Amino acid sequence: MCTLAVVALIACAVCYEFGYRSGTKQSRLEEEQLGLVVITLNGYKEAEATNWTKVKSLLSVELLGFTRDYEHRYGAPDATNIFAGRFAEAQNIADRVEKQMVPVASALQSALGSNFNVETNK
């Protein structure tokens, strides 16, 4: 009986350690993604201020990707989070960039001609 209690206690300790490490890794990934959004947002603002068209275009696509990835993985941050204001600004820019993008299906259809049908799974 005592051996069973010791084995259960060791199993609990091991499970706790694995859970703790998994949570730590998740936090690091979220912090990294958060950092990518903030850095790209700052670069976008600087490019917008200097009117560098190509740099702004590149950063806008990166900002769109990083913002959507963060949103998909972690959701929108709480209003109490210091990152929430920056994220909301990044979301507004990402929405604007996404509206300006050409849909892939229609672009492929026009590039390939009327002989090809482009099917999308929606």
PDB file of N, CA and C in Angstrom:
ATOM      1  N   MET A   1       0.824  -1.185   0.000  1.00  0.00           N
ATOM      2  CA  MET A   1       0.000   0.000   0.000  1.00  0.00           C
ATOM      3  C   MET A   1       0.872   1.256   0.000  1.00  0.00           C
ATOM      4  N   CYS A   2       1.915   1.206   0.806  1.00  0.00           N
ATOM      5  CA  CYS A   2       2.839   2.341   0.892  1.00  0.00           C
ATOM      6  C   CYS A   2       3.571   2.537  -0.437  1.00  0.00           C
ATOM      7  N   THR A   3       3.940   1.430  -1.078  1.00  0.00           N
ATOM      8  CA  THR A   3       4.627   1.489  -2.368  1.00  0.00           C
ATOM      9  C   THR A   3       3.724   2.127  -3.420  1.00  0.00           C
ATOM     10  N   LEU A   4       2.454   1.788  -3.395  1.00  0.00           N
ATOM     11  CA  LEU A   4       1.493   2.356  -4.333  1.00  0.00           C
ATOM     12  C   LEU A   4       1.366   3.865  -4.141  1.00  0.00           C
ATOM     13  N   ALA A   5       1.372   4.314  -2.904  1.00  0.00           N
ATOM     14  CA  ALA A   5       1.285   5.750  -2.610  1.00  0.00           C
ATOM     15  C   ALA A   5       2.531   6.475  -3.112  1.00  0.00           C
ATOM     16  N   VAL A   6       3.702   5.874  -2.955  1.00  0.00           N
ATOM     17  CA  VAL A   6       4.957   6.478  -3.423  1.00  0.00           C
ATOM     18  C   VAL A   6       4.972   6.555  -4.948  1.00  0.00           C
ATOM     19  N   VAL A   7       4.528   5.489  -5.616  1.00  0.00           N
ATOM     20  CA  VAL A   7       4.475   5.472  -7.076  1.00  0.00           C
ATOM     21  C   VAL A   7       3.503   6.542  -7.575  1.00  0.00           C
ATOM     22  N   ALA A   8       2.348   6.674  -6.921  1.00  0.00           N
ATOM     23  CA  ALA A   8       1.361   7.688  -7.315  1.00  0.00           C
ATOM     24  C   ALA A   8       1.930   9.091  -7.120  1.00  0.00           C
ATOM     25  N   LEU A   9       2.641   9.309  -6.041  1.00  0.00           N
ATOM     26  CA  LEU A   9       3.254  10.612  -5.769  1.00  0.00           C
ATOM     27  C   LEU A   9       4.322  10.949  -6.818  1.00  0.00           C
ATOM     28  N   ILE A  10       5.130   9.990  -7.191  1.00  0.00           N
ATOM     29  CA  ILE A  10       6.152  10.196  -8.226  1.00  0.00           C
ATOM     30  C   ILE A  10       5.479  10.482  -9.567  1.00  0.00           C
ATOM     31  N   ALA A  11       4.423   9.744  -9.888  1.00  0.00           N
ATOM     32  CA  ALA A  11       3.701   9.968 -11.146  1.00  0.00           C
ATOM     33  C   ALA A  11       3.108  11.368 -11.184  1.00  0.00           C
ATOM     34  N   CYS A  12       2.567  11.827 -10.072  1.00  0.00           N
ATOM     35  CA  CYS A  12       2.021  13.190 -10.000  1.00  0.00           C
ATOM     36  C   CYS A  12       3.109  14.232 -10.211  1.00  0.00           C
ATOM     37  N   ALA A  13       4.261  14.022  -9.604  1.00  0.00           N
ATOM     38  CA  ALA A  13       5.372  14.966  -9.748  1.00  0.00           C
ATOM     39  C   ALA A  13       5.854  15.031 -11.194  1.00  0.00           C
ATOM     40  N   VAL A  14       5.948  13.875 -11.849  1.00  0.00           N
ATOM     41  CA  VAL A  14       6.385  13.827 -13.245  1.00  0.00           C
ATOM     42  C   VAL A  14       5.372  14.530 -14.145  1.00  0.00           C
ATOM     43  N   CYS A  15       4.095  14.253 -13.935  1.00  0.00           N
ATOM     44  CA  CYS A  15       3.043  14.900 -14.746  1.00  0.00           C
ATOM     45  C   CYS A  15       3.052  16.404 -14.538  1.00  0.00           C
ATOM     46  N   TYR A  16       3.236  16.853 -13.303  1.00  0.00           N
ATOM     47  CA  TYR A  16       3.307  18.281 -13.021  1.00  0.00           C
ATOM     48  C   TYR A  16       4.477  18.917 -13.765  1.00  0.00           C
ATOM     49  N   GLU A  17       5.615  18.269 -13.751  1.00  0.00           N
ATOM     50  CA  GLU A  17       6.803  18.801 -14.420  1.00  0.00           C
ATOM     51  C   GLU A  17       6.582  18.917 -15.932  1.00  0.00           C
ATOM     52  N   PHE A  18       6.000  17.893 -16.534  1.00  0.00           N
ATOM     53  CA  PHE A  18       5.712  17.950 -17.971  1.00  0.00           C
ATOM     54  C   PHE A  18       4.727  19.072 -18.291  1.00  0.00           C
ATOM     55  N   GLY A  19       3.708  19.218 -17.471  1.00  0.00           N
ATOM     56  CA  GLY A  19       2.731  20.289 -17.672  1.00  0.00           C
ATOM     57  C   GLY A  19       3.350  21.657 -17.516  1.00  0.00           C
ATOM     58  N   TYR A  20       4.215  21.818 -16.524  1.00  0.00           N
ATOM     59  CA  TYR A  20       4.882  23.094 -16.296  1.00  0.00           C
ATOM     60  C   TYR A  20       5.771  23.459 -17.476  1.00  0.00           C
ATOM     61  N   ARG A  21       6.537  22.499 -17.958  1.00  0.00           N
ATOM     62  CA  ARG A  21       7.416  22.758 -19.101  1.00  0.00           C
ATOM     63  C   ARG A  21       6.616  23.071 -20.362  1.00  0.00           C
ATOM     64  N   SER A  22       5.523  22.396 -20.555  1.00  0.00           N
ATOM     65  CA  SER A  22       4.674  22.654 -21.720  1.00  0.00           C
ATOM     66  C   SER A  22       4.105  24.067 -21.659  1.00  0.00           C
ATOM     67  N   GLY A  23       3.668  24.486 -20.487  1.00  0.00           N
ATOM     68  CA  GLY A  23       3.150  25.845 -20.310  1.00  0.00           C
ATOM     69  C   GLY A  23       4.217  26.891 -20.526  1.00  0.00           C
ATOM     70  N   THR A  24       5.440  26.619 -20.082  1.00  0.00           N
ATOM     71  CA  THR A  24       6.544  27.548 -20.276  1.00  0.00           C
ATOM     72  C   THR A  24       6.859  27.696 -21.755  1.00  0.00           C
ATOM     73  N   LYS A  25       6.873  26.591 -22.498  1.00  0.00           N
ATOM     74  CA  LYS A  25       7.132  26.649 -23.938  1.00  0.00           C
ATOM     75  C   LYS A  25       6.045  27.435 -24.643  1.00  0.00           C
ATOM     76  N   GLN A  26       4.781  27.216 -24.258  1.00  0.00           N
ATOM     77  CA  GLN A  26       3.667  27.939 -24.868  1.00  0.00           C
ATOM     78  C   GLN A  26       3.821  29.435 -24.615  1.00  0.00           C
ATOM     79  N   SER A  27       4.207  29.823 -23.410  1.00  0.00           N
ATOM     80  CA  SER A  27       4.392  31.235 -23.089  1.00  0.00           C
ATOM     81  C   SER A  27       5.497  31.839 -23.933  1.00  0.00           C
ATOM     82  N   ARG A  28       6.570  31.115 -24.142  1.00  0.00           N
ATOM     83  CA  ARG A  28       7.668  31.616 -24.968  1.00  0.00           C
ATOM     84  C   ARG A  28       7.224  31.812 -26.409  1.00  0.00           C
ATOM     85  N   LEU A  29       6.452  30.867 -26.934  1.00  0.00           N
ATOM     86  CA  LEU A  29       5.951  30.998 -28.299  1.00  0.00           C
ATOM     87  C   LEU A  29       5.037  32.210 -28.428  1.00  0.00           C
ATOM     88  N   GLU A  30       4.190  32.418 -27.445  1.00  0.00           N
ATOM     89  CA  GLU A  30       3.288  33.565 -27.488  1.00  0.00           C
ATOM     90  C   GLU A  30       4.072  34.870 -27.401  1.00  0.00           C
ATOM     91  N   GLU A  31       5.062  34.922 -26.530  1.00  0.00           N
ATOM     92  CA  GLU A  31       5.895  36.119 -26.414  1.00  0.00           C
ATOM     93  C   GLU A  31       6.646  36.393 -27.711  1.00  0.00           C
ATOM     94  N   GLU A  32       7.131  35.350 -28.361  1.00  0.00           N
ATOM     95  CA  GLU A  32       7.830  35.517 -29.626  1.00  0.00           C
ATOM     96  C   GLU A  32       6.894  36.067 -30.693  1.00  0.00           C
ATOM     97  N   GLN A  33       5.690  35.511 -30.772  1.00  0.00           N
ATOM     98  CA  GLN A  33       4.707  35.983 -31.750  1.00  0.00           C
ATOM     99  C   GLN A  33       4.297  37.419 -31.445  1.00  0.00           C
ATOM    100  N   LEU A  34       4.102  37.732 -30.176  1.00  0.00           N
ATOM    101  CA  LEU A  34       3.778  39.087 -29.759  1.00  0.00           C
ATOM    102  C   LEU A  34       4.882  40.044 -30.185  1.00  0.00           C
ATOM    103  N   GLY A  35       6.125  39.652 -29.981  1.00  0.00           N
ATOM    104  CA  GLY A  35       7.257  40.479 -30.379  1.00  0.00           C
ATOM    105  C   GLY A  35       7.309  40.720 -31.876  1.00  0.00           C
ATOM    106  N   LEU A  36       6.998  39.693 -32.662  1.00  0.00           N
ATOM    107  CA  LEU A  36       6.985  39.857 -34.120  1.00  0.00           C
ATOM    108  C   LEU A  36       5.936  40.867 -34.561  1.00  0.00           C
ATOM    109  N   VAL A  37       4.760  40.820 -33.932  1.00  0.00           N
ATOM    110  CA  VAL A  37       3.708  41.774 -34.281  1.00  0.00           C
ATOM    111  C   VAL A  37       4.145  43.191 -33.934  1.00  0.00           C
ATOM    112  N   VAL A  38       4.710  43.392 -32.741  1.00  0.00           N
ATOM    113  CA  VAL A  38       5.113  44.728 -32.303  1.00  0.00           C
ATOM    114  C   VAL A  38       6.249  45.278 -33.162  1.00  0.00           C
ATOM    115  N   ILE A  39       7.252  44.466 -33.435  1.00  0.00           N
ATOM    116  CA  ILE A  39       8.386  44.923 -34.248  1.00  0.00           C
ATOM    117  C   ILE A  39       7.933  45.281 -35.657  1.00  0.00           C
ATOM    118  N   THR A  40       7.106  44.446 -36.244  1.00  0.00           N
ATOM    119  CA  THR A  40       6.620  44.717 -37.594  1.00  0.00           C
ATOM    120  C   THR A  40       5.719  45.947 -37.608  1.00  0.00           C
ATOM    121  N   LEU A  41       4.906  46.116 -36.590  1.00  0.00           N
ATOM    122  CA  LEU A  41       4.058  47.302 -36.495  1.00  0.00           C
ATOM    123  C   LEU A  41       4.903  48.567 -36.419  1.00  0.00           C
ATOM    124  N   ASN A  42       5.939  48.553 -35.608  1.00  0.00           N
ATOM    125  CA  ASN A  42       6.822  49.718 -35.514  1.00  0.00           C
ATOM    126  C   ASN A  42       7.530  49.998 -36.832  1.00  0.00           C
ATOM    127  N   GLY A  43       7.988  48.951 -37.506  1.00  0.00           N
ATOM    128  CA  GLY A  43       8.618  49.123 -38.817  1.00  0.00           C
ATOM    129  C   GLY A  43       7.644  49.669 -39.839  1.00  0.00           C
ATOM    130  N   TYR A  44       6.415  49.201 -39.789  1.00  0.00           N
ATOM    131  CA  TYR A  44       5.380  49.689 -40.711  1.00  0.00           C
ATOM    132  C   TYR A  44       5.132  51.177 -40.486  1.00  0.00           C
ATOM    133  N   LYS A  45       5.024  51.584 -39.224  1.00  0.00           N
ATOM    134  CA  LYS A  45       4.786  53.000 -38.907  1.00  0.00           C
ATOM    135  C   LYS A  45       5.938  53.877 -39.394  1.00  0.00           C
ATOM    136  N   GLU A  46       7.162  53.402 -39.214  1.00  0.00           N
ATOM    137  CA  GLU A  46       8.325  54.159 -39.687  1.00  0.00           C
ATOM    138  C   GLU A  46       8.338  54.253 -41.209  1.00  0.00           C
ATOM    139  N   ALA A  47       8.021  53.153 -41.877  1.00  0.00           N
ATOM    140  CA  ALA A  47       7.983  53.161 -43.340  1.00  0.00           C
ATOM    141  C   ALA A  47       6.868  54.066 -43.844  1.00  0.00           C
ATOM    142  N   GLU A  48       5.752  54.084 -43.150  1.00  0.00           N
ATOM    143  CA  GLU A  48       4.633  54.939 -43.535  1.00  0.00           C
ATOM    144  C   GLU A  48       4.999  56.412 -43.373  1.00  0.00           C
ATOM    145  N   ALA A  49       5.742  56.723 -42.331  1.00  0.00           N
ATOM    146  CA  ALA A  49       6.146  58.108 -42.081  1.00  0.00           C
ATOM    147  C   ALA A  49       7.141  58.596 -43.131  1.00  0.00           C
ATOM    148  N   THR A  50       8.008  57.719 -43.621  1.00  0.00           N
ATOM    149  CA  THR A  50       9.010  58.115 -44.610  1.00  0.00           C
ATOM    150  C   THR A  50       8.542  57.890 -46.035  1.00  0.00           C
ATOM    151  N   ASN A  51       7.362  57.235 -46.179  1.00  0.00           N
ATOM    152  CA  ASN A  51       6.760  56.979 -47.486  1.00  0.00           C
ATOM    153  C   ASN A  51       7.639  56.097 -48.375  1.00  0.00           C
ATOM    154  N   TRP A  52       8.210  55.070 -47.804  1.00  0.00           N
ATOM    155  CA  TRP A  52       8.965  54.090 -48.573  1.00  0.00           C
ATOM    156  C   TRP A  52       7.968  53.024 -49.029  1.00  0.00           C
ATOM    157  N   THR A  53       7.577  53.087 -50.248  1.00  0.00           N
ATOM    158  CA  THR A  53       6.491  52.253 -50.751  1.00  0.00           C
ATOM    159  C   THR A  53       6.798  50.761 -50.680  1.00  0.00           C
ATOM    160  N   LYS A  54       7.967  50.339 -51.149  1.00  0.00           N
ATOM    161  CA  LYS A  54       8.277  48.903 -51.157  1.00  0.00           C
ATOM    162  C   LYS A  54       8.435  48.348 -49.756  1.00  0.00           C
ATOM    163  N   VAL A  55       9.083  49.102 -48.881  1.00  0.00           N
ATOM    164  CA  VAL A  55       9.261  48.641 -47.506  1.00  0.00           C
ATOM    165  C   VAL A  55       7.902  48.555 -46.819  1.00  0.00           C
ATOM    166  N   LYS A  56       7.087  49.559 -47.035  1.00  0.00           N
ATOM    167  CA  LYS A  56       5.747  49.570 -46.444  1.00  0.00           C
ATOM    168  C   LYS A  56       4.925  48.385 -46.951  1.00  0.00           C
ATOM    169  N   SER A  57       5.034  48.079 -48.232  1.00  0.00           N
ATOM    170  CA  SER A  57       4.300  46.963 -48.804  1.00  0.00           C
ATOM    171  C   SER A  57       4.744  45.641 -48.181  1.00  0.00           C
ATOM    172  N   LEU A  58       6.046  45.446 -48.065  1.00  0.00           N
ATOM    173  CA  LEU A  58       6.577  44.223 -47.461  1.00  0.00           C
ATOM    174  C   LEU A  58       6.138  44.104 -46.006  1.00  0.00           C
ATOM    175  N   LEU A  59       6.279  45.180 -45.262  1.00  0.00           N
ATOM    176  CA  LEU A  59       5.912  45.142 -43.852  1.00  0.00           C
ATOM    177  C   LEU A  59       4.407  44.950 -43.667  1.00  0.00           C
ATOM    178  N   SER A  60       3.612  45.493 -44.581  1.00  0.00           N
ATOM    179  CA  SER A  60       2.167  45.322 -44.434  1.00  0.00           C
ATOM    180  C   SER A  60       1.774  43.862 -44.600  1.00  0.00           C
ATOM    181  N   VAL A  61       2.405  43.160 -45.530  1.00  0.00           N
ATOM    182  CA  VAL A  61       2.103  41.732 -45.710  1.00  0.00           C
ATOM    183  C   VAL A  61       2.612  40.932 -44.511  1.00  0.00           C
ATOM    184  N   GLU A  62       3.787  41.263 -44.000  1.00  0.00           N
ATOM    185  CA  GLU A  62       4.303  40.575 -42.813  1.00  0.00           C
ATOM    186  C   GLU A  62       3.410  40.834 -41.609  1.00  0.00           C
ATOM    187  N   LEU A  63       2.986  42.093 -41.453  1.00  0.00           N
ATOM    188  CA  LEU A  63       2.106  42.434 -40.343  1.00  0.00           C
ATOM    189  C   LEU A  63       0.788  41.679 -40.444  1.00  0.00           C
ATOM    190  N   LEU A  64       0.259  41.551 -41.640  1.00  0.00           N
ATOM    191  CA  LEU A  64      -0.962  40.780 -41.852  1.00  0.00           C
ATOM    192  C   LEU A  64      -0.753  39.331 -41.412  1.00  0.00           C
ATOM    193  N   GLY A  65       0.336  38.727 -41.852  1.00  0.00           N
ATOM    194  CA  GLY A  65       0.609  37.327 -41.497  1.00  0.00           C
ATOM    195  C   GLY A  65       0.818  37.122 -40.016  1.00  0.00           C
ATOM    196  N   PHE A  66       1.642  37.959 -39.401  1.00  0.00           N
ATOM    197  CA  PHE A  66       1.930  37.805 -37.972  1.00  0.00           C
ATOM    198  C   PHE A  66       0.683  38.065 -37.128  1.00  0.00           C
ATOM    199  N   THR A  67      -0.100  39.065 -37.521  1.00  0.00           N
ATOM    200  CA  THR A  67      -1.302  39.400 -36.758  1.00  0.00           C
ATOM    201  C   THR A  67      -2.331  38.281 -36.848  1.00  0.00           C
ATOM    202  N   ARG A  68      -2.558  37.771 -38.049  1.00  0.00           N
ATOM    203  CA  ARG A  68      -3.533  36.688 -38.214  1.00  0.00           C
ATOM    204  C   ARG A  68      -3.060  35.418 -37.510  1.00  0.00           C
ATOM    205  N   ASP A  69      -1.746  35.151 -37.537  1.00  0.00           N
ATOM    206  CA  ASP A  69      -1.211  33.971 -36.861  1.00  0.00           C
ATOM    207  C   ASP A  69      -1.403  34.089 -35.351  1.00  0.00           C
ATOM    208  N   TYR A  70      -1.091  35.260 -34.795  1.00  0.00           N
ATOM    209  CA  TYR A  70      -1.277  35.464 -33.355  1.00  0.00           C
ATOM    210  C   TYR A  70      -2.749  35.324 -32.989  1.00  0.00           C
ATOM    211  N   GLU A  71      -3.604  35.934 -33.795  1.00  0.00           N
ATOM    212  CA  GLU A  71      -5.044  35.890 -33.559  1.00  0.00           C
ATOM    213  C   GLU A  71      -5.564  34.455 -33.612  1.00  0.00           C
ATOM    214  N   HIS A  72      -5.057  33.675 -34.560  1.00  0.00           N
ATOM    215  CA  HIS A  72      -5.477  32.282 -34.709  1.00  0.00           C
ATOM    216  C   HIS A  72      -5.009  31.431 -33.524  1.00  0.00           C
ATOM    217  N   ARG A  73      -3.781  31.633 -33.097  1.00  0.00           N
ATOM    218  CA  ARG A  73      -3.227  30.805 -32.016  1.00  0.00           C
ATOM    219  C   ARG A  73      -3.728  31.204 -30.631  1.00  0.00           C
ATOM    220  N   TYR A  74      -3.774  32.504 -30.363  1.00  0.00           N
ATOM    221  CA  TYR A  74      -4.008  32.959 -28.990  1.00  0.00           C
ATOM    222  C   TYR A  74      -5.272  33.805 -28.825  1.00  0.00           C
ATOM    223  N   GLY A  75      -5.908  34.200 -29.929  1.00  0.00           N
ATOM    224  CA  GLY A  75      -7.083  35.058 -29.833  1.00  0.00           C
ATOM    225  C   GLY A  75      -6.667  36.502 -29.592  1.00  0.00           C
ATOM    226  N   ALA A  76      -7.635  37.378 -29.531  1.00  0.00           N
ATOM    227  CA  ALA A  76      -7.346  38.791 -29.274  1.00  0.00           C
ATOM    228  C   ALA A  76      -7.028  38.962 -27.794  1.00  0.00           C
ATOM    229  N   PRO A  77      -6.018  39.775 -27.476  1.00  0.00           N
ATOM    230  CA  PRO A  77      -5.658  39.973 -26.067  1.00  0.00           C
ATOM    231  C   PRO A  77      -6.736  40.754 -25.321  1.00  0.00           C
ATOM    232  N   ASP A  78      -6.764  40.595 -24.004  1.00  0.00           N
ATOM    233  CA  ASP A  78      -7.717  41.315 -23.160  1.00  0.00           C
ATOM    234  C   ASP A  78      -7.435  42.810 -23.199  1.00  0.00           C
ATOM    235  N   ALA A  79      -8.446  43.591 -22.897  1.00  0.00           N
ATOM    236  CA  ALA A  79      -8.280  45.046 -22.859  1.00  0.00           C
ATOM    237  C   ALA A  79      -7.341  45.462 -21.730  1.00  0.00           C
ATOM    238  N   THR A  80      -7.183  44.608 -20.724  1.00  0.00           N
ATOM    239  CA  THR A  80      -6.295  44.925 -19.613  1.00  0.00           C
ATOM    240  C   THR A  80      -4.832  44.682 -19.972  1.00  0.00           C
ATOM    241  N   ASN A  81      -4.596  43.956 -21.048  1.00  0.00           N
ATOM    242  CA  ASN A  81      -3.247  43.638 -21.492  1.00  0.00           C
ATOM    243  C   ASN A  81      -2.629  44.873 -22.150  1.00  0.00           C
ATOM    244  N   ILE A  82      -1.378  45.174 -21.859  1.00  0.00           N
ATOM    245  CA  ILE A  82      -0.688  46.333 -22.437  1.00  0.00           C
ATOM    246  C   ILE A  82      -0.512  46.170 -23.951  1.00  0.00           C
ATOM    247  N   PHE A  83      -0.498  44.944 -24.410  1.00  0.00           N
ATOM    248  CA  PHE A  83      -0.344  44.640 -25.824  1.00  0.00           C
ATOM    249  C   PHE A  83      -1.639  44.868 -26.603  1.00  0.00           C
ATOM    250  N   ALA A  84      -2.769  44.952 -25.927  1.00  0.00           N
ATOM    251  CA  ALA A  84      -4.082  45.025 -26.582  1.00  0.00           C
ATOM    252  C   ALA A  84      -4.203  46.227 -27.514  1.00  0.00           C
ATOM    253  N   GLY A  85      -3.712  47.371 -27.123  1.00  0.00           N
ATOM    254  CA  GLY A  85      -3.788  48.565 -27.968  1.00  0.00           C
ATOM    255  C   GLY A  85      -2.988  48.415 -29.250  1.00  0.00           C
ATOM    256  N   ARG A  86      -1.794  47.903 -29.124  1.00  0.00           N
ATOM    257  CA  ARG A  86      -0.955  47.675 -30.305  1.00  0.00           C
ATOM    258  C   ARG A  86      -1.564  46.612 -31.208  1.00  0.00           C
ATOM    259  N   PHE A  87      -2.121  45.585 -30.584  1.00  0.00           N
ATOM    260  CA  PHE A  87      -2.723  44.521 -31.379  1.00  0.00           C
ATOM    261  C   PHE A  87      -3.935  45.040 -32.142  1.00  0.00           C
ATOM    262  N   ALA A  88      -4.733  45.879 -31.502  1.00  0.00           N
ATOM    263  CA  ALA A  88      -5.905  46.453 -32.183  1.00  0.00           C
ATOM    264  C   ALA A  88      -5.466  47.296 -33.380  1.00  0.00           C
ATOM    265  N   GLU A  89      -4.390  48.054 -33.214  1.00  0.00           N
ATOM    266  CA  GLU A  89      -3.859  48.846 -34.329  1.00  0.00           C
ATOM    267  C   GLU A  89      -3.347  47.945 -35.449  1.00  0.00           C
ATOM    268  N   ALA A  90      -2.644  46.877 -35.065  1.00  0.00           N
ATOM    269  CA  ALA A  90      -2.145  45.918 -36.058  1.00  0.00           C
ATOM    270  C   ALA A  90      -3.308  45.238 -36.780  1.00  0.00           C
ATOM    271  N   GLN A  91      -4.384  44.935 -36.050  1.00  0.00           N
ATOM    272  CA  GLN A  91      -5.562  44.324 -36.671  1.00  0.00           C
ATOM    273  C   GLN A  91      -6.201  45.264 -37.687  1.00  0.00           C
ATOM    274  N   ASN A  92      -6.291  46.538 -37.359  1.00  0.00           N
ATOM    275  CA  ASN A  92      -6.871  47.512 -38.294  1.00  0.00           C
ATOM    276  C   ASN A  92      -6.061  47.585 -39.580  1.00  0.00           C
ATOM    277  N   ILE A  93      -4.737  47.617 -39.447  1.00  0.00           N
ATOM    278  CA  ILE A  93      -3.872  47.660 -40.624  1.00  0.00           C
ATOM    279  C   ILE A  93      -3.999  46.357 -41.410  1.00  0.00           C
ATOM    280  N   ALA A  94      -4.020  45.227 -40.701  1.00  0.00           N
ATOM    281  CA  ALA A  94      -4.149  43.922 -41.368  1.00  0.00           C
ATOM    282  C   ALA A  94      -5.465  43.831 -42.127  1.00  0.00           C
ATOM    283  N   ASP A  95      -6.543  44.331 -41.539  1.00  0.00           N
ATOM    284  CA  ASP A  95      -7.838  44.327 -42.236  1.00  0.00           C
ATOM    285  C   ASP A  95      -7.776  45.164 -43.503  1.00  0.00           C
ATOM    286  N   ARG A  96      -7.147  46.319 -43.408  1.00  0.00           N
ATOM    287  CA  ARG A  96      -7.027  47.205 -44.567  1.00  0.00           C
ATOM    288  C   ARG A  96      -6.192  46.552 -45.665  1.00  0.00           C
ATOM    289  N   VAL A  97      -5.081  45.921 -45.292  1.00  0.00           N
ATOM    290  CA  VAL A  97      -4.209  45.257 -46.261  1.00  0.00           C
ATOM    291  C   VAL A  97      -4.939  44.088 -46.908  1.00  0.00           C
ATOM    292  N   GLU A  98      -5.662  43.334 -46.103  1.00  0.00           N
ATOM    293  CA  GLU A  98      -6.379  42.167 -46.614  1.00  0.00           C
ATOM    294  C   GLU A  98      -7.449  42.572 -47.629  1.00  0.00           C
ATOM    295  N   LYS A  99      -8.106  43.700 -47.407  1.00  0.00           N
ATOM    296  CA  LYS A  99      -9.118  44.177 -48.351  1.00  0.00           C
ATOM    297  C   LYS A  99      -8.499  44.590 -49.678  1.00  0.00           C
ATOM    298  N   GLN A 100      -7.235  45.054 -49.646  1.00  0.00           N
ATOM    299  CA  GLN A 100      -6.558  45.498 -50.858  1.00  0.00           C
ATOM    300  C   GLN A 100      -5.982  44.343 -51.664  1.00  0.00           C
ATOM    301  N   MET A 101      -5.851  43.188 -51.042  1.00  0.00           N
ATOM    302  CA  MET A 101      -5.256  42.045 -51.730  1.00  0.00           C
ATOM    303  C   MET A 101      -6.226  41.462 -52.753  1.00  0.00           C
ATOM    304  N   VAL A 102      -5.672  40.932 -53.820  1.00  0.00           N
ATOM    305  CA  VAL A 102      -6.468  40.293 -54.863  1.00  0.00           C
ATOM    306  C   VAL A 102      -6.753  38.863 -54.421  1.00  0.00           C
ATOM    307  N   PRO A 103      -8.003  38.425 -54.479  1.00  0.00           N
ATOM    308  CA  PRO A 103      -8.289  37.035 -54.136  1.00  0.00           C
ATOM    309  C   PRO A 103      -7.539  36.076 -55.066  1.00  0.00           C
ATOM    310  N   VAL A 104      -6.993  35.028 -54.507  1.00  0.00           N
ATOM    311  CA  VAL A 104      -6.158  34.097 -55.265  1.00  0.00           C
ATOM    312  C   VAL A 104      -6.945  33.415 -56.382  1.00  0.00           C
ATOM    313  N   ALA A 105      -8.160  33.008 -56.102  1.00  0.00           N
ATOM    314  CA  ALA A 105      -8.945  32.282 -57.105  1.00  0.00           C
ATOM    315  C   ALA A 105      -9.203  33.144 -58.335  1.00  0.00           C
ATOM    316  N   SER A 106      -9.602  34.397 -58.131  1.00  0.00           N
ATOM    317  CA  SER A 106      -9.880  35.247 -59.293  1.00  0.00           C
ATOM    318  C   SER A 106      -8.598  35.611 -60.021  1.00  0.00           C
ATOM    319  N   ALA A 107      -7.504  35.767 -59.301  1.00  0.00           N
ATOM    320  CA  ALA A 107      -6.228  36.065 -59.949  1.00  0.00           C
ATOM    321  C   ALA A 107      -5.768  34.882 -60.798  1.00  0.00           C
ATOM    322  N   LEU A 108      -5.924  33.668 -60.276  1.00  0.00           N
ATOM    323  CA  LEU A 108      -5.555  32.476 -61.041  1.00  0.00           C
ATOM    324  C   LEU A 108      -6.452  32.320 -62.265  1.00  0.00           C
ATOM    325  N   GLN A 109      -7.732  32.571 -62.075  1.00  0.00           N
ATOM    326  CA  GLN A 109      -8.677  32.437 -63.183  1.00  0.00           C
ATOM    327  C   GLN A 109      -8.319  33.401 -64.308  1.00  0.00           C
ATOM    328  N   SER A 110      -7.994  34.631 -63.967  1.00  0.00           N
ATOM    329  CA  SER A 110      -7.653  35.601 -65.013  1.00  0.00           C
ATOM    330  C   SER A 110      -6.296  35.276 -65.636  1.00  0.00           C
ATOM    331  N   ALA A 111      -5.379  34.727 -64.862  1.00  0.00           N
ATOM    332  CA  ALA A 111      -4.056  34.389 -65.398  1.00  0.00           C
ATOM    333  C   ALA A 111      -4.118  33.154 -66.298  1.00  0.00           C
ATOM    334  N   LEU A 112      -4.936  32.181 -65.926  1.00  0.00           N
ATOM    335  CA  LEU A 112      -5.016  30.937 -66.686  1.00  0.00           C
ATOM    336  C   LEU A 112      -5.979  31.022 -67.863  1.00  0.00           C
ATOM    337  N   GLY A 113      -6.903  31.928 -67.796  1.00  0.00           N
ATOM    338  CA  GLY A 113      -7.869  32.062 -68.891  1.00  0.00           C
ATOM    339  C   GLY A 113      -9.146  31.324 -68.583  1.00  0.00           C
ATOM    340  N   SER A 114     -10.072  31.381 -69.506  1.00  0.00           N
ATOM    341  CA  SER A 114     -11.400  30.802 -69.286  1.00  0.00           C
ATOM    342  C   SER A 114     -11.426  29.292 -69.495  1.00  0.00           C
ATOM    343  N   ASN A 115     -10.355  28.702 -69.987  1.00  0.00           N
ATOM    344  CA  ASN A 115     -10.336  27.248 -70.222  1.00  0.00           C
ATOM    345  C   ASN A 115     -10.175  26.456 -68.929  1.00  0.00           C
ATOM    346  N   PHE A 116      -9.761  27.123 -67.854  1.00  0.00           N
ATOM    347  CA  PHE A 116      -9.506  26.437 -66.585  1.00  0.00           C
ATOM    348  C   PHE A 116     -10.522  26.885 -65.549  1.00  0.00           C
ATOM    349  N   ASN A 117     -10.934  25.946 -64.715  1.00  0.00           N
ATOM    350  CA  ASN A 117     -11.829  26.265 -63.600  1.00  0.00           C
ATOM    351  C   ASN A 117     -11.022  26.188 -62.307  1.00  0.00           C
ATOM    352  N   VAL A 118     -11.101  27.210 -61.519  1.00  0.00           N
ATOM    353  CA  VAL A 118     -10.427  27.231 -60.221  1.00  0.00           C
ATOM    354  C   VAL A 118     -11.471  26.989 -59.156  1.00  0.00           C
ATOM    355  N   GLU A 119     -11.317  25.892 -58.420  1.00  0.00           N
ATOM    356  CA  GLU A 119     -12.262  25.546 -57.362  1.00  0.00           C
ATOM    357  C   GLU A 119     -11.653  25.873 -56.026  1.00  0.00           C
ATOM    358  N   THR A 120     -12.461  26.459 -55.165  1.00  0.00           N
ATOM    359  CA  THR A 120     -12.022  26.740 -53.802  1.00  0.00           C
ATOM    360  C   THR A 120     -12.925  25.998 -52.839  1.00  0.00           C
ATOM    361  N   ASN A 121     -12.364  25.519 -51.775  1.00  0.00           N
ATOM    362  CA  ASN A 121     -13.142  24.831 -50.745  1.00  0.00           C
ATOM    363  C   ASN A 121     -13.479  25.816 -49.657  1.00  0.00           C
ATOM    364  N   LYS A 122     -14.724  26.220 -49.591  1.00  0.00           N
ATOM    365  CA  LYS A 122     -15.144  27.180 -48.558  1.00  0.00           C
ATOM    366  C   LYS A 122     -16.089  26.528 -47.614  1.00  0.00           C
TER     367      LYS A 122
END
